[in-house]
């Protein structure tokens, strides 16, 4: 009876883990579907607009449309690559996540001549346990922070600081850009979705900013173990 009970609970635990993994995969697939679908829809609309202006003499307008198509196409390819990376079992480690984040930050900021100070103090003696959904969420949030800096901040310097202890991992990103008013920005969908992603994945999020004072983003995730 004891052996039967142990076997039953082990099987139940495996079943729950399998169900959770399936839910994570479905959520990532849904996010990818929405994102890629929106980008492809925008590309289609811009292509139609380009056709209408094909015979016009305004080459500047056509060039802008082509540039937007290139940007949407690049973003779609990048998101596909990042999602494939996130669900690959070979990347199931915090070290792989931090390497991916570092590569992305240097690529994006370097292309805009923004100086980056990147310091990782991750202590491998106290590894943090995160599931696939949390790793994916953390990477997507980090990407959004960097992308917003590139597109909107006007910053010339950015610092990234990564630290952990026995129970949590914190990623802090600071820039010297124009800053923003969190109360005003909170009414937009961008910040709302950002906060929702953090809450759904048990990521503690702190945003400190003010007009003219740059921005400071803290993301802390607590170990599952």
N, C-alpha and C. Protein backbone atom coordinates (compact mmCIF):
# COMPACT_ATOMS: atom_id res chain seq x y z
N UNK A 1 0.83 -1.21 0.00
CA UNK A 1 0.00 0.00 0.00
C UNK A 1 0.87 1.27 0.00
N UNK A 2 1.96 1.21 0.81
CA UNK A 2 2.86 2.37 0.86
C UNK A 2 3.52 2.60 -0.50
N UNK A 3 4.01 1.49 -1.11
CA UNK A 3 4.65 1.61 -2.42
C UNK A 3 3.66 2.11 -3.47
N UNK A 4 2.43 1.65 -3.40
CA UNK A 4 1.40 2.07 -4.34
C UNK A 4 1.12 3.58 -4.18
N UNK A 5 1.06 4.02 -2.93
CA UNK A 5 0.80 5.44 -2.66
C UNK A 5 1.93 6.31 -3.19
N UNK A 6 3.19 5.86 -2.96
CA UNK A 6 4.34 6.62 -3.46
C UNK A 6 4.32 6.69 -4.98
N UNK A 7 4.05 5.53 -5.62
CA UNK A 7 4.01 5.49 -7.08
C UNK A 7 2.91 6.40 -7.62
N UNK A 8 1.78 6.41 -6.91
CA UNK A 8 0.64 7.24 -7.35
C UNK A 8 1.01 8.73 -7.32
N UNK A 9 1.60 9.17 -6.22
CA UNK A 9 1.95 10.59 -6.11
C UNK A 9 3.08 10.98 -7.06
N UNK A 10 4.01 10.06 -7.34
CA UNK A 10 5.06 10.34 -8.32
C UNK A 10 4.46 10.51 -9.71
N UNK A 11 3.52 9.63 -10.04
CA UNK A 11 2.84 9.73 -11.34
C UNK A 11 2.03 11.01 -11.43
N UNK A 12 1.38 11.37 -10.32
CA UNK A 12 0.58 12.61 -10.30
C UNK A 12 1.48 13.83 -10.49
N UNK A 13 2.66 13.80 -9.85
CA UNK A 13 3.59 14.92 -9.98
C UNK A 13 4.09 15.05 -11.42
N UNK A 14 4.41 13.90 -12.04
CA UNK A 14 4.86 13.93 -13.44
C UNK A 14 3.78 14.47 -14.35
N UNK A 15 2.53 14.07 -14.05
CA UNK A 15 1.41 14.53 -14.85
C UNK A 15 1.23 16.04 -14.74
N UNK A 16 1.37 16.56 -13.52
CA UNK A 16 1.23 18.00 -13.32
C UNK A 16 2.35 18.77 -14.01
N UNK A 17 3.58 18.23 -13.93
CA UNK A 17 4.71 18.88 -14.60
C UNK A 17 4.50 18.91 -16.11
N UNK A 18 4.00 17.78 -16.65
CA UNK A 18 3.76 17.69 -18.08
C UNK A 18 2.68 18.68 -18.51
N UNK A 19 1.63 18.78 -17.68
CA UNK A 19 0.54 19.70 -17.99
C UNK A 19 1.02 21.14 -17.95
N UNK A 20 1.84 21.48 -16.96
CA UNK A 20 2.36 22.84 -16.85
C UNK A 20 3.26 23.18 -18.03
N UNK A 21 4.10 22.22 -18.43
CA UNK A 21 4.98 22.45 -19.57
C UNK A 21 4.16 22.67 -20.84
N UNK A 22 3.08 21.91 -20.99
CA UNK A 22 2.22 22.08 -22.16
C UNK A 22 1.56 23.45 -22.14
N UNK A 23 1.14 23.91 -20.96
CA UNK A 23 0.54 25.24 -20.84
C UNK A 23 1.54 26.33 -21.19
N UNK A 24 2.79 26.15 -20.75
CA UNK A 24 3.84 27.12 -21.06
C UNK A 24 4.06 27.19 -22.56
N UNK A 25 4.17 26.04 -23.19
CA UNK A 25 4.39 26.00 -24.63
C UNK A 25 3.22 26.64 -25.38
N UNK A 26 2.01 26.38 -24.92
CA UNK A 26 0.84 26.97 -25.57
C UNK A 26 0.84 28.48 -25.42
N UNK A 27 1.26 28.98 -24.23
CA UNK A 27 1.29 30.42 -24.01
C UNK A 27 2.34 31.09 -24.89
N UNK A 28 3.52 30.47 -24.99
CA UNK A 28 4.57 31.01 -25.84
C UNK A 28 4.13 30.99 -27.30
N UNK A 29 3.49 29.90 -27.71
CA UNK A 29 2.99 29.81 -29.09
C UNK A 29 1.94 30.88 -29.36
N UNK A 30 1.08 31.14 -28.37
CA UNK A 30 0.05 32.16 -28.52
C UNK A 30 0.66 33.55 -28.64
N UNK A 31 1.66 33.83 -27.79
CA UNK A 31 2.34 35.12 -27.85
C UNK A 31 3.02 35.31 -29.19
N UNK A 32 3.68 34.25 -29.66
CA UNK A 32 4.37 34.33 -30.94
C UNK A 32 3.37 34.54 -32.08
N UNK A 33 2.25 33.84 -32.01
CA UNK A 33 1.22 33.98 -33.04
C UNK A 33 0.71 35.41 -33.11
N UNK A 34 0.44 36.00 -31.95
CA UNK A 34 -0.07 37.37 -31.92
C UNK A 34 0.95 38.36 -32.46
N UNK A 35 2.20 38.19 -32.02
CA UNK A 35 3.24 39.13 -32.40
C UNK A 35 3.56 39.03 -33.89
N UNK A 36 3.79 37.81 -34.36
CA UNK A 36 4.12 37.62 -35.77
C UNK A 36 2.93 37.98 -36.65
N UNK A 37 1.74 37.63 -36.20
CA UNK A 37 0.54 37.98 -36.97
C UNK A 37 0.38 39.47 -37.14
N UNK A 38 0.61 40.21 -36.06
CA UNK A 38 0.50 41.67 -36.14
C UNK A 38 1.55 42.25 -37.08
N UNK A 39 2.79 41.74 -36.99
CA UNK A 39 3.85 42.24 -37.86
C UNK A 39 3.58 41.93 -39.32
N UNK A 40 3.13 40.70 -39.60
CA UNK A 40 2.85 40.34 -40.98
C UNK A 40 1.67 41.14 -41.54
N UNK A 41 0.69 41.43 -40.68
CA UNK A 41 -0.43 42.27 -41.10
C UNK A 41 0.05 43.66 -41.46
N UNK A 42 0.96 44.20 -40.66
CA UNK A 42 1.52 45.54 -40.94
C UNK A 42 2.32 45.52 -42.23
N UNK A 43 3.10 44.46 -42.44
CA UNK A 43 3.89 44.35 -43.68
C UNK A 43 2.96 44.29 -44.89
N UNK A 44 1.88 43.55 -44.78
CA UNK A 44 0.92 43.44 -45.88
C UNK A 44 0.30 44.80 -46.21
N UNK A 45 -0.09 45.54 -45.18
CA UNK A 45 -0.69 46.86 -45.39
C UNK A 45 0.30 47.84 -46.02
N UNK A 46 1.53 47.79 -45.54
CA UNK A 46 2.55 48.68 -46.09
C UNK A 46 2.88 48.32 -47.54
N UNK A 47 2.85 47.02 -47.86
CA UNK A 47 3.09 46.60 -49.23
C UNK A 47 2.00 47.12 -50.16
N UNK A 48 0.75 47.05 -49.70
CA UNK A 48 -0.35 47.60 -50.49
C UNK A 48 -0.18 49.10 -50.70
N UNK A 49 0.24 49.78 -49.64
CA UNK A 49 0.45 51.22 -49.74
C UNK A 49 1.58 51.54 -50.71
N UNK A 50 2.61 50.71 -50.69
CA UNK A 50 3.74 50.91 -51.60
C UNK A 50 3.31 50.74 -53.05
N UNK A 51 2.44 49.76 -53.30
CA UNK A 51 1.93 49.55 -54.65
C UNK A 51 1.16 50.77 -55.16
N UNK A 52 0.37 51.37 -54.28
CA UNK A 52 -0.43 52.52 -54.66
C UNK A 52 0.45 53.72 -55.02
N UNK A 53 1.60 53.79 -54.37
CA UNK A 53 2.49 54.93 -54.60
C UNK A 53 3.60 54.61 -55.59
N UNK A 54 3.49 53.46 -56.23
CA UNK A 54 4.54 53.04 -57.16
C UNK A 54 4.75 54.04 -58.29
N UNK A 55 3.65 54.59 -58.79
CA UNK A 55 3.72 55.50 -59.94
C UNK A 55 3.91 56.95 -59.53
N UNK A 56 3.95 57.21 -58.23
CA UNK A 56 4.13 58.58 -57.79
C UNK A 56 5.60 58.98 -57.83
N UNK A 57 5.85 60.26 -57.89
CA UNK A 57 7.20 60.76 -58.00
C UNK A 57 7.90 60.93 -56.65
N UNK A 58 7.13 60.78 -55.55
CA UNK A 58 7.68 61.02 -54.22
C UNK A 58 8.52 59.82 -53.77
N UNK A 59 9.78 59.80 -54.16
CA UNK A 59 10.66 58.69 -53.81
C UNK A 59 10.94 58.65 -52.32
N UNK A 60 10.88 59.80 -51.64
CA UNK A 60 11.12 59.85 -50.20
C UNK A 60 10.06 59.07 -49.44
N UNK A 61 8.80 59.25 -49.84
CA UNK A 61 7.70 58.52 -49.19
C UNK A 61 7.84 57.03 -49.40
N UNK A 62 8.22 56.63 -50.62
CA UNK A 62 8.39 55.20 -50.90
C UNK A 62 9.54 54.61 -50.08
N UNK A 63 10.60 55.39 -49.94
CA UNK A 63 11.75 54.91 -49.17
C UNK A 63 11.38 54.69 -47.70
N UNK A 64 10.56 55.58 -47.16
CA UNK A 64 10.13 55.43 -45.77
C UNK A 64 9.28 54.18 -45.59
N UNK A 65 8.41 53.91 -46.55
CA UNK A 65 7.57 52.71 -46.47
C UNK A 65 8.44 51.46 -46.53
N UNK A 66 9.40 51.44 -47.44
CA UNK A 66 10.30 50.29 -47.58
C UNK A 66 11.09 50.08 -46.29
N UNK A 67 11.53 51.17 -45.66
CA UNK A 67 12.28 51.07 -44.41
C UNK A 67 11.41 50.47 -43.31
N UNK A 68 10.15 50.86 -43.26
CA UNK A 68 9.25 50.30 -42.26
C UNK A 68 9.01 48.82 -42.50
N UNK A 69 8.89 48.42 -43.76
CA UNK A 69 8.73 47.01 -44.09
C UNK A 69 9.96 46.22 -43.64
N UNK A 70 11.14 46.76 -43.89
CA UNK A 70 12.38 46.11 -43.45
C UNK A 70 12.41 45.96 -41.94
N UNK A 71 11.98 46.98 -41.22
CA UNK A 71 12.00 46.93 -39.76
C UNK A 71 11.05 45.86 -39.23
N UNK A 72 9.82 45.82 -39.78
CA UNK A 72 8.85 44.81 -39.35
C UNK A 72 9.37 43.40 -39.68
N UNK A 73 9.97 43.25 -40.83
CA UNK A 73 10.50 41.94 -41.23
C UNK A 73 11.62 41.50 -40.29
N UNK A 74 12.52 42.43 -39.99
CA UNK A 74 13.63 42.13 -39.08
C UNK A 74 13.11 41.75 -37.69
N UNK A 75 12.13 42.51 -37.19
CA UNK A 75 11.57 42.21 -35.86
C UNK A 75 10.91 40.84 -35.84
N UNK A 76 10.21 40.49 -36.92
CA UNK A 76 9.54 39.18 -36.99
C UNK A 76 10.56 38.05 -36.95
N UNK A 77 11.61 38.17 -37.74
CA UNK A 77 12.65 37.15 -37.76
C UNK A 77 13.31 37.02 -36.40
N UNK A 78 13.60 38.17 -35.78
CA UNK A 78 14.24 38.16 -34.46
C UNK A 78 13.36 37.48 -33.42
N UNK A 79 12.07 37.81 -33.43
CA UNK A 79 11.15 37.20 -32.45
C UNK A 79 11.03 35.70 -32.65
N UNK A 80 11.03 35.25 -33.91
CA UNK A 80 10.99 33.82 -34.18
C UNK A 80 12.25 33.14 -33.64
N UNK A 81 13.39 33.75 -33.90
CA UNK A 81 14.66 33.17 -33.42
C UNK A 81 14.70 33.12 -31.89
N UNK A 82 14.23 34.19 -31.26
CA UNK A 82 14.26 34.25 -29.79
C UNK A 82 13.33 33.21 -29.18
N UNK A 83 12.18 32.98 -29.79
CA UNK A 83 11.23 31.99 -29.27
C UNK A 83 11.78 30.58 -29.43
N UNK A 84 12.36 30.30 -30.59
CA UNK A 84 12.99 28.99 -30.80
C UNK A 84 14.09 28.76 -29.78
N UNK A 85 14.88 29.83 -29.52
CA UNK A 85 15.93 29.73 -28.51
C UNK A 85 15.36 29.43 -27.13
N UNK A 86 14.26 30.09 -26.78
CA UNK A 86 13.69 29.97 -25.44
C UNK A 86 13.17 28.57 -25.15
N UNK A 87 12.63 27.90 -26.16
CA UNK A 87 12.02 26.59 -25.92
C UNK A 87 12.99 25.44 -26.18
N UNK A 88 14.22 25.76 -26.57
CA UNK A 88 15.23 24.73 -26.80
C UNK A 88 15.74 24.22 -25.45
N UNK A 89 15.61 22.92 -25.17
CA UNK A 89 16.06 22.37 -23.87
C UNK A 89 17.54 22.62 -23.60
N UNK A 90 18.35 22.80 -24.64
CA UNK A 90 19.77 23.04 -24.45
C UNK A 90 20.05 24.38 -23.78
N UNK A 91 19.04 25.26 -23.79
CA UNK A 91 19.21 26.59 -23.21
C UNK A 91 18.55 26.72 -21.84
N UNK A 92 18.31 25.58 -21.19
CA UNK A 92 17.62 25.59 -19.90
C UNK A 92 18.59 25.93 -18.75
N UNK A 93 19.19 27.09 -18.79
CA UNK A 93 20.06 27.51 -17.70
C UNK A 93 20.08 29.03 -17.63
N UNK A 94 20.33 29.54 -16.43
CA UNK A 94 20.43 30.98 -16.25
C UNK A 94 21.64 31.52 -17.01
N UNK A 95 22.74 30.75 -17.03
CA UNK A 95 23.94 31.20 -17.72
C UNK A 95 23.65 31.46 -19.19
N UNK A 96 22.90 30.58 -19.84
CA UNK A 96 22.54 30.77 -21.25
C UNK A 96 21.67 32.01 -21.43
N UNK A 97 20.77 32.23 -20.49
CA UNK A 97 19.91 33.42 -20.54
C UNK A 97 20.74 34.69 -20.46
N UNK A 98 21.69 34.74 -19.55
CA UNK A 98 22.50 35.93 -19.35
C UNK A 98 23.39 36.20 -20.57
N UNK A 99 23.90 35.15 -21.19
CA UNK A 99 24.69 35.31 -22.41
C UNK A 99 23.84 35.90 -23.52
N UNK A 100 22.62 35.39 -23.66
CA UNK A 100 21.70 35.88 -24.69
C UNK A 100 21.37 37.34 -24.45
N UNK A 101 21.11 37.71 -23.22
CA UNK A 101 20.80 39.10 -22.89
C UNK A 101 21.98 40.01 -23.20
N UNK A 102 23.16 39.59 -22.85
CA UNK A 102 24.36 40.40 -23.09
C UNK A 102 24.54 40.63 -24.59
N UNK A 103 24.42 39.58 -25.38
CA UNK A 103 24.57 39.70 -26.83
C UNK A 103 23.55 40.68 -27.41
N UNK A 104 22.30 40.57 -26.94
CA UNK A 104 21.26 41.45 -27.46
C UNK A 104 21.52 42.91 -27.10
N UNK A 105 21.93 43.17 -25.85
CA UNK A 105 22.16 44.54 -25.41
C UNK A 105 23.30 45.19 -26.20
N UNK A 106 24.41 44.48 -26.36
CA UNK A 106 25.54 45.04 -27.11
C UNK A 106 25.18 45.24 -28.58
N UNK A 107 24.40 44.33 -29.16
CA UNK A 107 24.01 44.46 -30.56
C UNK A 107 23.13 45.69 -30.78
N UNK A 108 22.08 45.82 -29.97
CA UNK A 108 21.12 46.90 -30.17
C UNK A 108 21.71 48.27 -29.82
N UNK A 109 22.37 48.36 -28.68
CA UNK A 109 22.91 49.64 -28.24
C UNK A 109 24.13 50.06 -29.07
N UNK A 110 24.94 49.08 -29.44
CA UNK A 110 26.11 49.38 -30.26
C UNK A 110 25.73 49.93 -31.62
N UNK A 111 24.62 49.46 -32.17
CA UNK A 111 24.17 49.94 -33.48
C UNK A 111 23.78 51.41 -33.44
N UNK A 112 23.44 51.91 -32.26
CA UNK A 112 23.06 53.31 -32.09
C UNK A 112 24.14 54.13 -31.39
N UNK A 113 25.34 53.56 -31.28
CA UNK A 113 26.47 54.24 -30.64
C UNK A 113 26.16 54.66 -29.21
N UNK A 114 25.40 53.82 -28.50
CA UNK A 114 25.10 54.06 -27.09
C UNK A 114 26.08 53.26 -26.25
N UNK A 115 26.80 53.93 -25.38
CA UNK A 115 27.80 53.28 -24.55
C UNK A 115 27.13 52.36 -23.52
N UNK A 116 27.61 51.13 -23.44
CA UNK A 116 27.02 50.15 -22.53
C UNK A 116 28.04 49.67 -21.50
N UNK A 117 27.67 49.76 -20.24
CA UNK A 117 28.43 49.16 -19.15
C UNK A 117 27.64 47.95 -18.67
N UNK A 118 28.15 46.76 -18.91
CA UNK A 118 27.43 45.52 -18.60
C UNK A 118 28.22 44.72 -17.57
N UNK A 119 27.65 44.57 -16.38
CA UNK A 119 28.32 43.84 -15.31
C UNK A 119 27.43 42.72 -14.81
N UNK A 120 27.95 41.51 -14.86
CA UNK A 120 27.23 40.35 -14.35
C UNK A 120 27.97 39.79 -13.15
N UNK A 121 27.30 39.79 -12.02
CA UNK A 121 27.86 39.23 -10.79
C UNK A 121 27.11 37.96 -10.40
N UNK A 122 26.68 37.21 -11.42
CA UNK A 122 25.92 36.00 -11.13
C UNK A 122 26.82 34.97 -10.46
N UNK A 123 26.39 34.52 -9.31
CA UNK A 123 27.16 33.56 -8.50
C UNK A 123 26.67 32.15 -8.82
N UNK A 124 27.49 31.40 -9.53
CA UNK A 124 27.11 30.04 -9.91
C UNK A 124 27.07 29.10 -8.71
N UNK A 125 27.64 29.55 -7.59
CA UNK A 125 27.56 28.72 -6.37
C UNK A 125 26.15 28.74 -5.77
N UNK A 126 25.38 29.73 -6.15
CA UNK A 126 24.00 29.83 -5.67
C UNK A 126 23.06 29.98 -6.87
N UNK A 127 22.95 28.93 -7.70
CA UNK A 127 22.15 29.02 -8.93
C UNK A 127 20.67 29.24 -8.63
N UNK A 128 20.03 30.01 -9.50
CA UNK A 128 18.61 30.29 -9.37
C UNK A 128 17.82 29.34 -10.26
N UNK A 129 16.75 28.79 -9.72
CA UNK A 129 15.91 27.87 -10.47
C UNK A 129 14.72 28.63 -11.08
N UNK A 130 14.62 28.62 -12.42
CA UNK A 130 13.51 29.25 -13.13
C UNK A 130 12.98 28.27 -14.15
N UNK A 131 11.67 28.30 -14.40
CA UNK A 131 11.13 27.43 -15.44
C UNK A 131 11.21 28.14 -16.80
N UNK A 132 10.84 27.42 -17.85
CA UNK A 132 10.97 27.94 -19.20
C UNK A 132 10.15 29.21 -19.41
N UNK A 133 8.96 29.26 -18.84
CA UNK A 133 8.10 30.43 -19.00
C UNK A 133 8.72 31.66 -18.36
N UNK A 134 9.31 31.50 -17.19
CA UNK A 134 9.93 32.63 -16.51
C UNK A 134 11.18 33.12 -17.26
N UNK A 135 11.97 32.19 -17.76
CA UNK A 135 13.15 32.59 -18.53
C UNK A 135 12.73 33.37 -19.78
N UNK A 136 11.71 32.86 -20.44
CA UNK A 136 11.21 33.53 -21.65
C UNK A 136 10.67 34.91 -21.31
N UNK A 137 9.92 35.01 -20.21
CA UNK A 137 9.35 36.30 -19.80
C UNK A 137 10.45 37.28 -19.43
N UNK A 138 11.45 36.83 -18.69
CA UNK A 138 12.54 37.71 -18.29
C UNK A 138 13.29 38.23 -19.51
N UNK A 139 13.55 37.36 -20.47
CA UNK A 139 14.27 37.79 -21.66
C UNK A 139 13.44 38.78 -22.48
N UNK A 140 12.14 38.52 -22.62
CA UNK A 140 11.28 39.42 -23.39
C UNK A 140 11.17 40.78 -22.71
N UNK A 141 11.12 40.81 -21.40
CA UNK A 141 11.06 42.08 -20.67
C UNK A 141 12.37 42.85 -20.82
N UNK A 142 13.49 42.13 -20.73
CA UNK A 142 14.79 42.77 -20.91
C UNK A 142 14.89 43.36 -22.32
N UNK A 143 14.44 42.61 -23.31
CA UNK A 143 14.44 43.10 -24.69
C UNK A 143 13.61 44.37 -24.82
N UNK A 144 12.46 44.38 -24.18
CA UNK A 144 11.58 45.55 -24.28
C UNK A 144 12.23 46.78 -23.65
N UNK A 145 12.90 46.59 -22.52
CA UNK A 145 13.59 47.71 -21.88
C UNK A 145 14.66 48.28 -22.81
N UNK A 146 15.49 47.41 -23.39
CA UNK A 146 16.55 47.85 -24.29
C UNK A 146 15.97 48.51 -25.54
N UNK A 147 14.94 47.90 -26.11
CA UNK A 147 14.31 48.48 -27.31
C UNK A 147 13.74 49.86 -27.03
N UNK A 148 13.12 50.03 -25.87
CA UNK A 148 12.56 51.34 -25.53
C UNK A 148 13.65 52.39 -25.36
N UNK A 149 14.77 51.97 -24.80
CA UNK A 149 15.89 52.90 -24.66
C UNK A 149 16.37 53.35 -26.04
N UNK A 150 16.53 52.38 -26.95
CA UNK A 150 17.01 52.68 -28.30
C UNK A 150 16.04 53.61 -29.04
N UNK A 151 14.75 53.34 -28.91
CA UNK A 151 13.75 54.06 -29.70
C UNK A 151 13.33 55.40 -29.11
N UNK A 152 13.30 55.49 -27.77
CA UNK A 152 12.63 56.65 -27.17
C UNK A 152 13.48 57.47 -26.20
N UNK A 153 14.56 56.92 -25.66
CA UNK A 153 15.21 57.59 -24.53
C UNK A 153 16.15 58.72 -24.93
N UNK A 154 16.77 58.61 -26.11
CA UNK A 154 17.81 59.57 -26.47
C UNK A 154 19.04 59.45 -25.60
N UNK A 155 19.24 58.29 -24.98
CA UNK A 155 20.35 58.09 -24.05
C UNK A 155 21.68 57.94 -24.79
N UNK A 156 22.75 58.31 -24.11
CA UNK A 156 24.09 58.09 -24.65
C UNK A 156 24.84 57.03 -23.84
N UNK A 157 24.30 56.72 -22.63
CA UNK A 157 24.94 55.72 -21.77
C UNK A 157 23.87 54.84 -21.12
N UNK A 158 24.19 53.56 -21.04
CA UNK A 158 23.30 52.58 -20.39
C UNK A 158 24.15 51.65 -19.54
N UNK A 159 23.66 51.32 -18.37
CA UNK A 159 24.34 50.34 -17.52
C UNK A 159 23.38 49.19 -17.21
N UNK A 160 23.94 47.99 -17.24
CA UNK A 160 23.20 46.78 -16.88
C UNK A 160 23.96 46.10 -15.75
N UNK A 161 23.27 45.81 -14.67
CA UNK A 161 23.89 45.17 -13.51
C UNK A 161 23.07 43.96 -13.10
N UNK A 162 23.72 42.80 -13.02
CA UNK A 162 23.04 41.54 -12.72
C UNK A 162 23.65 40.94 -11.46
N UNK A 163 22.78 40.61 -10.50
CA UNK A 163 23.24 40.04 -9.23
C UNK A 163 22.25 38.96 -8.77
N UNK A 164 22.75 38.07 -7.96
CA UNK A 164 21.87 37.07 -7.37
C UNK A 164 22.35 36.72 -5.97
N UNK A 165 21.44 36.14 -5.22
CA UNK A 165 21.80 35.55 -3.93
C UNK A 165 21.19 34.16 -3.89
N UNK A 166 21.01 33.61 -2.74
CA UNK A 166 20.51 32.24 -2.65
C UNK A 166 19.06 32.11 -3.11
N UNK A 167 18.32 33.20 -3.11
CA UNK A 167 16.88 33.09 -3.37
C UNK A 167 16.36 33.90 -4.54
N UNK A 168 17.17 34.79 -5.12
CA UNK A 168 16.62 35.65 -6.18
C UNK A 168 17.71 36.13 -7.14
N UNK A 169 17.25 36.59 -8.29
CA UNK A 169 18.10 37.16 -9.32
C UNK A 169 17.54 38.54 -9.67
N UNK A 170 18.40 39.56 -9.69
CA UNK A 170 17.96 40.92 -10.01
C UNK A 170 18.71 41.44 -11.21
N UNK A 171 17.98 42.00 -12.16
CA UNK A 171 18.55 42.63 -13.35
C UNK A 171 18.15 44.10 -13.32
N UNK A 172 19.15 44.98 -13.24
CA UNK A 172 18.90 46.41 -13.17
C UNK A 172 19.44 47.08 -14.43
N UNK A 173 18.61 47.91 -15.06
CA UNK A 173 19.00 48.63 -16.27
C UNK A 173 18.76 50.12 -16.04
N UNK A 174 19.81 50.92 -16.28
CA UNK A 174 19.69 52.36 -16.07
C UNK A 174 20.23 53.09 -17.29
N UNK A 175 19.55 54.20 -17.66
CA UNK A 175 20.03 55.01 -18.77
C UNK A 175 20.02 56.48 -18.37
N UNK A 176 20.73 57.30 -19.16
CA UNK A 176 20.81 58.73 -18.89
C UNK A 176 19.99 59.54 -19.89
N UNK A 177 18.91 58.94 -20.36
CA UNK A 177 18.09 59.58 -21.38
C UNK A 177 17.11 60.61 -20.85
N UNK A 178 16.09 60.89 -21.66
CA UNK A 178 15.15 61.96 -21.36
C UNK A 178 14.19 61.60 -20.23
N UNK A 179 14.08 60.30 -19.91
CA UNK A 179 13.18 59.89 -18.84
C UNK A 179 11.73 59.99 -19.24
N UNK A 180 10.84 59.71 -18.29
CA UNK A 180 9.40 59.78 -18.55
C UNK A 180 8.66 59.87 -17.23
N UNK A 181 7.41 60.22 -17.32
CA UNK A 181 6.54 60.27 -16.14
C UNK A 181 5.79 58.94 -16.07
N UNK A 182 6.11 58.05 -15.12
CA UNK A 182 5.45 56.75 -15.04
C UNK A 182 3.94 56.85 -14.90
N UNK A 183 3.44 57.90 -14.24
CA UNK A 183 2.00 58.04 -14.06
C UNK A 183 1.30 58.31 -15.39
N UNK A 184 1.95 59.09 -16.25
CA UNK A 184 1.37 59.38 -17.57
C UNK A 184 1.49 58.17 -18.48
N UNK A 185 2.68 57.56 -18.48
CA UNK A 185 2.92 56.42 -19.35
C UNK A 185 2.09 55.22 -18.95
N UNK A 186 1.72 55.13 -17.68
CA UNK A 186 0.96 53.99 -17.18
C UNK A 186 -0.38 53.84 -17.90
N UNK A 187 -0.90 54.94 -18.43
CA UNK A 187 -2.19 54.87 -19.11
C UNK A 187 -2.10 54.23 -20.49
N UNK A 188 -0.90 54.08 -21.00
CA UNK A 188 -0.73 53.44 -22.30
C UNK A 188 -0.68 51.93 -22.17
N UNK A 189 -0.91 51.24 -23.30
CA UNK A 189 -0.93 49.78 -23.29
C UNK A 189 0.46 49.18 -23.11
N UNK A 190 1.50 49.90 -23.60
CA UNK A 190 2.85 49.35 -23.53
C UNK A 190 3.28 49.04 -22.12
N UNK A 191 3.21 50.00 -21.23
CA UNK A 191 3.63 49.79 -19.85
C UNK A 191 2.68 48.84 -19.12
N UNK A 192 1.40 48.93 -19.45
CA UNK A 192 0.41 48.03 -18.83
C UNK A 192 0.74 46.58 -19.15
N UNK A 193 1.04 46.29 -20.43
CA UNK A 193 1.38 44.92 -20.83
C UNK A 193 2.69 44.48 -20.19
N UNK A 194 3.62 45.42 -20.05
CA UNK A 194 4.91 45.14 -19.42
C UNK A 194 4.71 44.71 -17.97
N UNK A 195 3.88 45.47 -17.26
CA UNK A 195 3.60 45.14 -15.86
C UNK A 195 2.83 43.83 -15.74
N UNK A 196 1.91 43.58 -16.67
CA UNK A 196 1.14 42.33 -16.64
C UNK A 196 2.04 41.13 -16.83
N UNK A 197 2.99 41.23 -17.76
CA UNK A 197 3.92 40.12 -17.99
C UNK A 197 4.72 39.83 -16.72
N UNK A 198 5.15 40.89 -16.04
CA UNK A 198 5.90 40.72 -14.79
C UNK A 198 5.05 40.02 -13.74
N UNK A 199 3.83 40.50 -13.57
CA UNK A 199 2.95 39.94 -12.54
C UNK A 199 2.62 38.47 -12.83
N UNK A 200 2.33 38.15 -14.08
CA UNK A 200 1.95 36.79 -14.44
C UNK A 200 3.09 35.79 -14.24
N UNK A 201 4.32 36.28 -14.25
CA UNK A 201 5.46 35.38 -14.12
C UNK A 201 6.21 35.58 -12.80
N UNK A 202 5.55 36.24 -11.83
CA UNK A 202 6.09 36.41 -10.48
C UNK A 202 7.45 37.13 -10.50
N UNK A 203 7.52 38.16 -11.34
CA UNK A 203 8.71 38.99 -11.42
C UNK A 203 8.42 40.32 -10.75
N UNK A 204 9.19 40.66 -9.72
CA UNK A 204 9.03 41.95 -9.05
C UNK A 204 9.61 43.05 -9.94
N UNK A 205 8.79 44.04 -10.23
CA UNK A 205 9.19 45.10 -11.16
C UNK A 205 9.15 46.46 -10.48
N UNK A 206 10.24 47.23 -10.64
CA UNK A 206 10.28 48.59 -10.13
C UNK A 206 10.78 49.51 -11.25
N UNK A 207 10.03 50.59 -11.50
CA UNK A 207 10.39 51.58 -12.51
C UNK A 207 10.57 52.93 -11.84
N UNK A 208 11.76 53.49 -11.95
CA UNK A 208 12.04 54.81 -11.41
C UNK A 208 12.45 55.73 -12.55
N UNK A 209 11.68 56.81 -12.76
CA UNK A 209 12.03 57.75 -13.81
C UNK A 209 11.30 59.06 -13.59
N UNK A 210 11.81 60.08 -14.25
CA UNK A 210 11.17 61.40 -14.25
C UNK A 210 11.68 62.12 -15.49
N UNK A 211 10.89 63.04 -16.03
CA UNK A 211 11.32 63.77 -17.21
C UNK A 211 12.68 64.43 -17.01
N UNK A 212 13.61 64.12 -17.90
CA UNK A 212 14.94 64.70 -17.82
C UNK A 212 15.89 63.98 -16.90
N UNK A 213 15.45 62.90 -16.25
CA UNK A 213 16.28 62.23 -15.25
C UNK A 213 16.61 60.78 -15.61
N UNK A 214 16.41 60.40 -16.86
CA UNK A 214 16.71 59.03 -17.25
C UNK A 214 15.71 58.04 -16.66
N UNK A 215 16.03 56.76 -16.76
CA UNK A 215 15.13 55.73 -16.24
C UNK A 215 15.94 54.61 -15.61
N UNK A 216 15.36 53.99 -14.58
CA UNK A 216 16.00 52.90 -13.86
C UNK A 216 14.97 51.79 -13.70
N UNK A 217 15.27 50.61 -14.26
CA UNK A 217 14.36 49.47 -14.22
C UNK A 217 14.97 48.34 -13.43
N UNK A 218 14.25 47.86 -12.39
CA UNK A 218 14.68 46.70 -11.60
C UNK A 218 13.71 45.54 -11.85
N UNK A 219 14.27 44.38 -12.24
CA UNK A 219 13.45 43.18 -12.38
C UNK A 219 14.05 42.09 -11.50
N UNK A 220 13.27 41.60 -10.57
CA UNK A 220 13.75 40.58 -9.63
C UNK A 220 12.85 39.35 -9.71
N UNK A 221 13.48 38.22 -9.87
CA UNK A 221 12.73 36.96 -9.92
C UNK A 221 13.26 36.06 -8.81
N UNK A 222 12.34 35.39 -8.12
CA UNK A 222 12.71 34.57 -6.99
C UNK A 222 12.83 33.10 -7.41
N UNK A 223 13.79 32.42 -6.85
CA UNK A 223 14.07 31.04 -7.23
C UNK A 223 12.89 30.14 -6.91
N UNK A 224 12.65 29.18 -7.80
CA UNK A 224 11.58 28.21 -7.58
C UNK A 224 11.99 27.17 -6.57
N UNK A 225 13.28 27.00 -6.38
CA UNK A 225 13.77 25.97 -5.45
C UNK A 225 13.81 26.49 -4.03
